[in-house]
Amino acid sequence: MLAKLTSKNQLTLPKAVVSDLKGYEYFDVTRETGRIVLTPVRLTRVEAVRAKLAELGVDEDDVAKAVAWARRGK
């Protein structure tokens, strides 16, 4: 089976490969000896939010400042 890498670095996995992985939306991606390995991961909403905040570089201090700013408007 083949999967083509698009110009946007996206892969569409063959249906036969993912048919047994129903319910998984996220995959941990690692490289092992010239191979790309995808491992299904179930993220809770909290983990997904934390991952996105980390990706954006938002830390606890930024969140505290944002909450303080929002509370000033009341």
PDB file of N, CA and C in Angstrom:
ATOM      1  N   MET A   1       0.838  -1.171   0.000  1.00  0.00           N
ATOM      2  CA  MET A   1       0.000   0.000   0.000  1.00  0.00           C
ATOM      3  C   MET A   1       0.889   1.242   0.000  1.00  0.00           C
ATOM      4  N   LEU A   2       0.443   2.256  -0.672  1.00  0.00           N
ATOM      5  CA  LEU A   2       1.175   3.504  -0.739  1.00  0.00           C
ATOM      6  C   LEU A   2       0.358   4.645  -0.141  1.00  0.00           C
ATOM      7  N   ALA A   3       1.061   5.611   0.436  1.00  0.00           N
ATOM      8  CA  ALA A   3       0.457   6.857   0.900  1.00  0.00           C
ATOM      9  C   ALA A   3       1.308   7.972   0.308  1.00  0.00           C
ATOM     10  N   LYS A   4       0.661   8.951  -0.303  1.00  0.00           N
ATOM     11  CA  LYS A   4       1.387  10.035  -0.947  1.00  0.00           C
ATOM     12  C   LYS A   4       1.483  11.239  -0.014  1.00  0.00           C
ATOM     13  N   LEU A   5       2.695  11.799   0.056  1.00  0.00           N
ATOM     14  CA  LEU A   5       2.924  13.012   0.827  1.00  0.00           C
ATOM     15  C   LEU A   5       2.572  14.202  -0.051  1.00  0.00           C
ATOM     16  N   THR A   6       1.652  15.049   0.420  1.00  0.00           N
ATOM     17  CA  THR A   6       1.223  16.204  -0.370  1.00  0.00           C
ATOM     18  C   THR A   6       2.181  17.373  -0.166  1.00  0.00           C
ATOM     19  N   SER A   7       1.983  18.421  -0.929  1.00  0.00           N
ATOM     20  CA  SER A   7       2.819  19.618  -0.805  1.00  0.00           C
ATOM     21  C   SER A   7       2.650  20.294   0.556  1.00  0.00           C
ATOM     22  N   LYS A   8       1.569  19.965   1.273  1.00  0.00           N
ATOM     23  CA  LYS A   8       1.316  20.523   2.607  1.00  0.00           C
ATOM     24  C   LYS A   8       1.751  19.554   3.712  1.00  0.00           C
ATOM     25  N   ASN A   9       2.605  18.582   3.350  1.00  0.00           N
ATOM     26  CA  ASN A   9       3.102  17.576   4.298  1.00  0.00           C
ATOM     27  C   ASN A   9       1.993  16.750   4.938  1.00  0.00           C
ATOM     28  N   GLN A  10       0.964  16.444   4.182  1.00  0.00           N
ATOM     29  CA  GLN A  10      -0.136  15.630   4.688  1.00  0.00           C
ATOM     30  C   GLN A  10      -0.116  14.263   4.020  1.00  0.00           C
ATOM     31  N   LEU A  11      -0.483  13.249   4.785  1.00  0.00           N
ATOM     32  CA  LEU A  11      -0.607  11.892   4.270  1.00  0.00           C
ATOM     33  C   LEU A  11      -2.037  11.416   4.445  1.00  0.00           C
ATOM     34  N   THR A  12      -2.533  10.717   3.460  1.00  0.00           N
ATOM     35  CA  THR A  12      -3.809  10.038   3.612  1.00  0.00           C
ATOM     36  C   THR A  12      -3.482   8.561   3.754  1.00  0.00           C
ATOM     37  N   LEU A  13      -3.855   7.997   4.885  1.00  0.00           N
ATOM     38  CA  LEU A  13      -3.541   6.598   5.139  1.00  0.00           C
ATOM     39  C   LEU A  13      -4.581   5.705   4.480  1.00  0.00           C
ATOM     40  N   PRO A  14      -4.149   4.588   3.920  1.00  0.00           N
ATOM     41  CA  PRO A  14      -5.098   3.669   3.288  1.00  0.00           C
ATOM     42  C   PRO A  14      -6.145   3.174   4.280  1.00  0.00           C
ATOM     43  N   LYS A  15      -7.368   3.040   3.798  1.00  0.00           N
ATOM     44  CA  LYS A  15      -8.483   2.606   4.635  1.00  0.00           C
ATOM     45  C   LYS A  15      -8.198   1.260   5.295  1.00  0.00           C
ATOM     46  N   ALA A  16      -7.566   0.369   4.570  1.00  0.00           N
ATOM     47  CA  ALA A  16      -7.265  -0.955   5.112  1.00  0.00           C
ATOM     48  C   ALA A  16      -6.331  -0.877   6.321  1.00  0.00           C
ATOM     49  N   VAL A  17      -5.504   0.140   6.379  1.00  0.00           N
ATOM     50  CA  VAL A  17      -4.567   0.300   7.495  1.00  0.00           C
ATOM     51  C   VAL A  17      -5.269   0.836   8.732  1.00  0.00           C
ATOM     52  N   VAL A  18      -6.182   1.756   8.565  1.00  0.00           N
ATOM     53  CA  VAL A  18      -6.809   2.408   9.718  1.00  0.00           C
ATOM     54  C   VAL A  18      -8.189   1.852  10.076  1.00  0.00           C
ATOM     55  N   SER A  19      -8.651   0.884   9.347  1.00  0.00           N
ATOM     56  CA  SER A  19     -10.008   0.361   9.599  1.00  0.00           C
ATOM     57  C   SER A  19     -10.169  -0.194  11.012  1.00  0.00           C
ATOM     58  N   ASP A  20      -9.114  -0.738  11.590  1.00  0.00           N
ATOM     59  CA  ASP A  20      -9.183  -1.273  12.955  1.00  0.00           C
ATOM     60  C   ASP A  20      -8.896  -0.230  14.024  1.00  0.00           C
ATOM     61  N   LEU A  21      -8.654   1.004  13.619  1.00  0.00           N
ATOM     62  CA  LEU A  21      -8.278   2.052  14.560  1.00  0.00           C
ATOM     63  C   LEU A  21      -9.395   3.073  14.763  1.00  0.00           C
ATOM     64  N   LYS A  22     -10.617   2.619  14.726  1.00  0.00           N
ATOM     65  CA  LYS A  22     -11.753   3.524  14.903  1.00  0.00           C
ATOM     66  C   LYS A  22     -11.679   4.196  16.275  1.00  0.00           C
ATOM     67  N   GLY A  23     -12.017   5.469  16.312  1.00  0.00           N
ATOM     68  CA  GLY A  23     -12.004   6.209  17.565  1.00  0.00           C
ATOM     69  C   GLY A  23     -10.704   6.947  17.828  1.00  0.00           C
ATOM     70  N   TYR A  24      -9.693   6.668  17.032  1.00  0.00           N
ATOM     71  CA  TYR A  24      -8.424   7.380  17.198  1.00  0.00           C
ATOM     72  C   TYR A  24      -8.368   8.554  16.243  1.00  0.00           C
ATOM     73  N   GLU A  25      -8.015   9.690  16.786  1.00  0.00           N
ATOM     74  CA  GLU A  25      -7.910  10.912  15.991  1.00  0.00           C
ATOM     75  C   GLU A  25      -6.470  11.416  15.957  1.00  0.00           C
ATOM     76  N   TYR A  26      -5.675  10.993  16.934  1.00  0.00           N
ATOM     77  CA  TYR A  26      -4.295  11.448  17.048  1.00  0.00           C
ATOM     78  C   TYR A  26      -3.343  10.253  17.030  1.00  0.00           C
ATOM     79  N   PHE A  27      -2.148  10.512  16.505  1.00  0.00           N
ATOM     80  CA  PHE A  27      -1.116   9.488  16.440  1.00  0.00           C
ATOM     81  C   PHE A  27       0.206  10.103  16.874  1.00  0.00           C
ATOM     82  N   ASP A  28       0.938   9.390  17.719  1.00  0.00           N
ATOM     83  CA  ASP A  28       2.286   9.797  18.068  1.00  0.00           C
ATOM     84  C   ASP A  28       3.176   9.402  16.890  1.00  0.00           C
ATOM     85  N   VAL A  29       4.029  10.322  16.439  1.00  0.00           N
ATOM     86  CA  VAL A  29       4.868  10.080  15.276  1.00  0.00           C
ATOM     87  C   VAL A  29       6.322  10.019  15.717  1.00  0.00           C
ATOM     88  N   THR A  30       6.992   8.922  15.367  1.00  0.00           N
ATOM     89  CA  THR A  30       8.412   8.777  15.674  1.00  0.00           C
ATOM     90  C   THR A  30       9.139   8.263  14.435  1.00  0.00           C
ATOM     91  N   ARG A  31      10.452   8.456  14.435  1.00  0.00           N
ATOM     92  CA  ARG A  31      11.300   7.896  13.374  1.00  0.00           C
ATOM     93  C   ARG A  31      12.152   6.801  13.979  1.00  0.00           C
ATOM     94  N   GLU A  32      12.192   5.672  13.305  1.00  0.00           N
ATOM     95  CA  GLU A  32      13.005   4.551  13.765  1.00  0.00           C
ATOM     96  C   GLU A  32      13.733   3.950  12.577  1.00  0.00           C
ATOM     97  N   THR A  33      15.018   4.119  12.532  1.00  0.00           N
ATOM     98  CA  THR A  33      15.865   3.533  11.499  1.00  0.00           C
ATOM     99  C   THR A  33      15.294   3.743  10.100  1.00  0.00           C
ATOM    100  N   GLY A  34      15.048   4.991   9.751  1.00  0.00           N
ATOM    101  CA  GLY A  34      14.563   5.302   8.412  1.00  0.00           C
ATOM    102  C   GLY A  34      13.088   5.028   8.184  1.00  0.00           C
ATOM    103  N   ARG A  35      12.350   4.733   9.227  1.00  0.00           N
ATOM    104  CA  ARG A  35      10.910   4.467   9.112  1.00  0.00           C
ATOM    105  C   ARG A  35      10.129   5.505   9.905  1.00  0.00           C
ATOM    106  N   ILE A  36       8.930   5.779   9.458  1.00  0.00           N
ATOM    107  CA  ILE A  36       8.002   6.619  10.209  1.00  0.00           C
ATOM    108  C   ILE A  36       7.033   5.681  10.910  1.00  0.00           C
ATOM    109  N   VAL A  37       6.935   5.806  12.218  1.00  0.00           N
ATOM    110  CA  VAL A  37       6.070   4.930  13.004  1.00  0.00           C
ATOM    111  C   VAL A  37       4.948   5.764  13.603  1.00  0.00           C
ATOM    112  N   LEU A  38       3.699   5.353  13.355  1.00  0.00           N
ATOM    113  CA  LEU A  38       2.524   6.022  13.914  1.00  0.00           C
ATOM    114  C   LEU A  38       1.928   5.135  15.001  1.00  0.00           C
ATOM    115  N   THR A  39       1.750   5.703  16.190  1.00  0.00           N
ATOM    116  CA  THR A  39       1.156   4.970  17.299  1.00  0.00           C
ATOM    117  C   THR A  39      -0.125   5.683  17.717  1.00  0.00           C
ATOM    118  N   PRO A  40      -1.276   4.994  17.662  1.00  0.00           N
ATOM    119  CA  PRO A  40      -2.541   5.634  18.039  1.00  0.00           C
ATOM    120  C   PRO A  40      -2.517   6.109  19.487  1.00  0.00           C
ATOM    121  N   VAL A  41      -3.065   7.307  19.707  1.00  0.00           N
ATOM    122  CA  VAL A  41      -3.098   7.912  21.042  1.00  0.00           C
ATOM    123  C   VAL A  41      -4.492   8.471  21.285  1.00  0.00           C
ATOM    124  N   ARG A  42      -5.017   8.207  22.456  1.00  0.00           N
ATOM    125  CA  ARG A  42      -6.289   8.817  22.853  1.00  0.00           C
ATOM    126  C   ARG A  42      -5.970   9.997  23.763  1.00  0.00           C
ATOM    127  N   LEU A  43      -6.277  11.181  23.288  1.00  0.00           N
ATOM    128  CA  LEU A  43      -6.048  12.388  24.075  1.00  0.00           C
ATOM    129  C   LEU A  43      -7.345  12.825  24.727  1.00  0.00           C
ATOM    130  N   THR A  44      -7.244  13.237  25.972  1.00  0.00           N
ATOM    131  CA  THR A  44      -8.406  13.871  26.578  1.00  0.00           C
ATOM    132  C   THR A  44      -8.420  15.310  26.093  1.00  0.00           C
ATOM    133  N   ARG A  45      -9.504  15.980  26.264  1.00  0.00           N
ATOM    134  CA  ARG A  45      -9.581  17.379  25.844  1.00  0.00           C
ATOM    135  C   ARG A  45      -8.531  18.224  26.546  1.00  0.00           C
ATOM    136  N   VAL A  46      -8.282  17.924  27.804  1.00  0.00           N
ATOM    137  CA  VAL A  46      -7.292  18.678  28.569  1.00  0.00           C
ATOM    138  C   VAL A  46      -5.909  18.507  27.941  1.00  0.00           C
ATOM    139  N   GLU A  47      -5.559  17.264  27.590  1.00  0.00           N
ATOM    140  CA  GLU A  47      -4.255  17.019  26.976  1.00  0.00           C
ATOM    141  C   GLU A  47      -4.148  17.735  25.636  1.00  0.00           C
ATOM    142  N   ALA A  48      -5.227  17.741  24.873  1.00  0.00           N
ATOM    143  CA  ALA A  48      -5.220  18.415  23.578  1.00  0.00           C
ATOM    144  C   ALA A  48      -5.022  19.921  23.746  1.00  0.00           C
ATOM    145  N   VAL A  49      -5.676  20.507  24.746  1.00  0.00           N
ATOM    146  CA  VAL A  49      -5.525  21.944  25.005  1.00  0.00           C
ATOM    147  C   VAL A  49      -4.099  22.237  25.455  1.00  0.00           C
ATOM    148  N   ARG A  50      -3.559  21.417  26.348  1.00  0.00           N
ATOM    149  CA  ARG A  50      -2.182  21.626  26.804  1.00  0.00           C
ATOM    150  C   ARG A  50      -1.188  21.512  25.659  1.00  0.00           C
ATOM    151  N   ALA A  51      -1.403  20.543  24.781  1.00  0.00           N
ATOM    152  CA  ALA A  51      -0.512  20.370  23.625  1.00  0.00           C
ATOM    153  C   ALA A  51      -0.564  21.597  22.714  1.00  0.00           C
ATOM    154  N   LYS A  52      -1.762  22.119  22.484  1.00  0.00           N
ATOM    155  CA  LYS A  52      -1.906  23.299  21.625  1.00  0.00           C
ATOM    156  C   LYS A  52      -1.252  24.518  22.263  1.00  0.00           C
ATOM    157  N   LEU A  53      -1.448  24.710  23.564  1.00  0.00           N
ATOM    158  CA  LEU A  53      -0.823  25.833  24.261  1.00  0.00           C
ATOM    159  C   LEU A  53       0.705  25.729  24.187  1.00  0.00           C
ATOM    160  N   ALA A  54       1.235  24.526  24.370  1.00  0.00           N
ATOM    161  CA  ALA A  54       2.684  24.323  24.283  1.00  0.00           C
ATOM    162  C   ALA A  54       3.176  24.629  22.876  1.00  0.00           C
ATOM    163  N   GLU A  55       2.418  24.205  21.885  1.00  0.00           N
ATOM    164  CA  GLU A  55       2.785  24.464  20.487  1.00  0.00           C
ATOM    165  C   GLU A  55       2.840  25.965  20.203  1.00  0.00           C
ATOM    166  N   LEU A  56       1.940  26.715  20.833  1.00  0.00           N
ATOM    167  CA  LEU A  56       1.877  28.159  20.637  1.00  0.00           C
ATOM    168  C   LEU A  56       2.844  28.918  21.545  1.00  0.00           C
ATOM    169  N   GLY A  57       3.467  28.214  22.479  1.00  0.00           N
ATOM    170  CA  GLY A  57       4.403  28.862  23.387  1.00  0.00           C
ATOM    171  C   GLY A  57       3.730  29.605  24.522  1.00  0.00           C
ATOM    172  N   VAL A  58       2.493  29.240  24.839  1.00  0.00           N
ATOM    173  CA  VAL A  58       1.753  29.882  25.924  1.00  0.00           C
ATOM    174  C   VAL A  58       2.057  29.131  27.220  1.00  0.00           C
ATOM    175  N   ASP A  59       2.525  29.856  28.249  1.00  0.00           N
ATOM    176  CA  ASP A  59       2.836  29.203  29.513  1.00  0.00           C
ATOM    177  C   ASP A  59       1.848  29.640  30.600  1.00  0.00           C
ATOM    178  N   GLU A  60       2.056  29.133  31.819  1.00  0.00           N
ATOM    179  CA  GLU A  60       1.136  29.419  32.928  1.00  0.00           C
ATOM    180  C   GLU A  60       1.052  30.910  33.232  1.00  0.00           C
ATOM    181  N   ASP A  61       2.166  31.602  33.127  1.00  0.00           N
ATOM    182  CA  ASP A  61       2.183  33.042  33.387  1.00  0.00           C
ATOM    183  C   ASP A  61       1.312  33.784  32.371  1.00  0.00           C
ATOM    184  N   ASP A  62       1.380  33.370  31.111  1.00  0.00           N
ATOM    185  CA  ASP A  62       0.548  33.985  30.074  1.00  0.00           C
ATOM    186  C   ASP A  62      -0.938  33.784  30.378  1.00  0.00           C
ATOM    187  N   VAL A  63      -1.286  32.591  30.830  1.00  0.00           N
ATOM    188  CA  VAL A  63      -2.686  32.291  31.151  1.00  0.00           C
ATOM    189  C   VAL A  63      -3.140  33.132  32.339  1.00  0.00           C
ATOM    190  N   ALA A  64      -2.301  33.232  33.365  1.00  0.00           N
ATOM    191  CA  ALA A  64      -2.652  34.031  34.546  1.00  0.00           C
ATOM    192  C   ALA A  64      -2.868  35.489  34.161  1.00  0.00           C
ATOM    193  N   LYS A  65      -1.997  36.023  33.306  1.00  0.00           N
ATOM    194  CA  LYS A  65      -2.158  37.399  32.849  1.00  0.00           C
ATOM    195  C   LYS A  65      -3.446  37.580  32.056  1.00  0.00           C
ATOM    196  N   ALA A  66      -3.780  36.606  31.218  1.00  0.00           N
ATOM    197  CA  ALA A  66      -5.001  36.690  30.414  1.00  0.00           C
ATOM    198  C   ALA A  66      -6.244  36.649  31.297  1.00  0.00           C
ATOM    199  N   VAL A  67      -6.225  35.800  32.319  1.00  0.00           N
ATOM    200  CA  VAL A  67      -7.361  35.712  33.252  1.00  0.00           C
ATOM    201  C   VAL A  67      -7.502  37.020  34.020  1.00  0.00           C
ATOM    202  N   ALA A  68      -6.393  37.547  34.494  1.00  0.00           N
ATOM    203  CA  ALA A  68      -6.434  38.834  35.210  1.00  0.00           C
ATOM    204  C   ALA A  68      -6.972  39.943  34.321  1.00  0.00           C
ATOM    205  N   TRP A  69      -6.521  39.972  33.064  1.00  0.00           N
ATOM    206  CA  TRP A  69      -7.005  40.974  32.116  1.00  0.00           C
ATOM    207  C   TRP A  69      -8.516  40.833  31.898  1.00  0.00           C
ATOM    208  N   ALA A  70      -8.985  39.600  31.726  1.00  0.00           N
ATOM    209  CA  ALA A  70     -10.403  39.360  31.487  1.00  0.00           C
ATOM    210  C   ALA A  70     -11.256  39.744  32.690  1.00  0.00           C
ATOM    211  N   ARG A  71     -10.758  39.515  33.872  1.00  0.00           N
ATOM    212  CA  ARG A  71     -11.506  39.828  35.086  1.00  0.00           C
ATOM    213  C   ARG A  71     -11.583  41.317  35.361  1.00  0.00           C
ATOM    214  N   ARG A  72     -10.658  42.099  34.829  1.00  0.00           N
ATOM    215  CA  ARG A  72     -10.692  43.564  35.008  1.00  0.00           C
ATOM    216  C   ARG A  72     -11.900  44.174  34.328  1.00  0.00           C
ATOM    217  N   GLY A  73     -12.427  43.555  33.320  1.00  0.00           N
ATOM    218  CA  GLY A  73     -13.555  44.113  32.565  1.00  0.00           C
ATOM    219  C   GLY A  73     -14.886  44.036  33.293  1.00  0.00           C
ATOM    220  N   LYS A  74     -14.942  43.330  34.412  1.00  0.00           N
ATOM    221  CA  LYS A  74     -16.211  43.176  35.134  1.00  0.00           C
ATOM    222  C   LYS A  74     -16.475  44.320  36.065  1.00  0.00           C
TER     223      LYS A  74
END
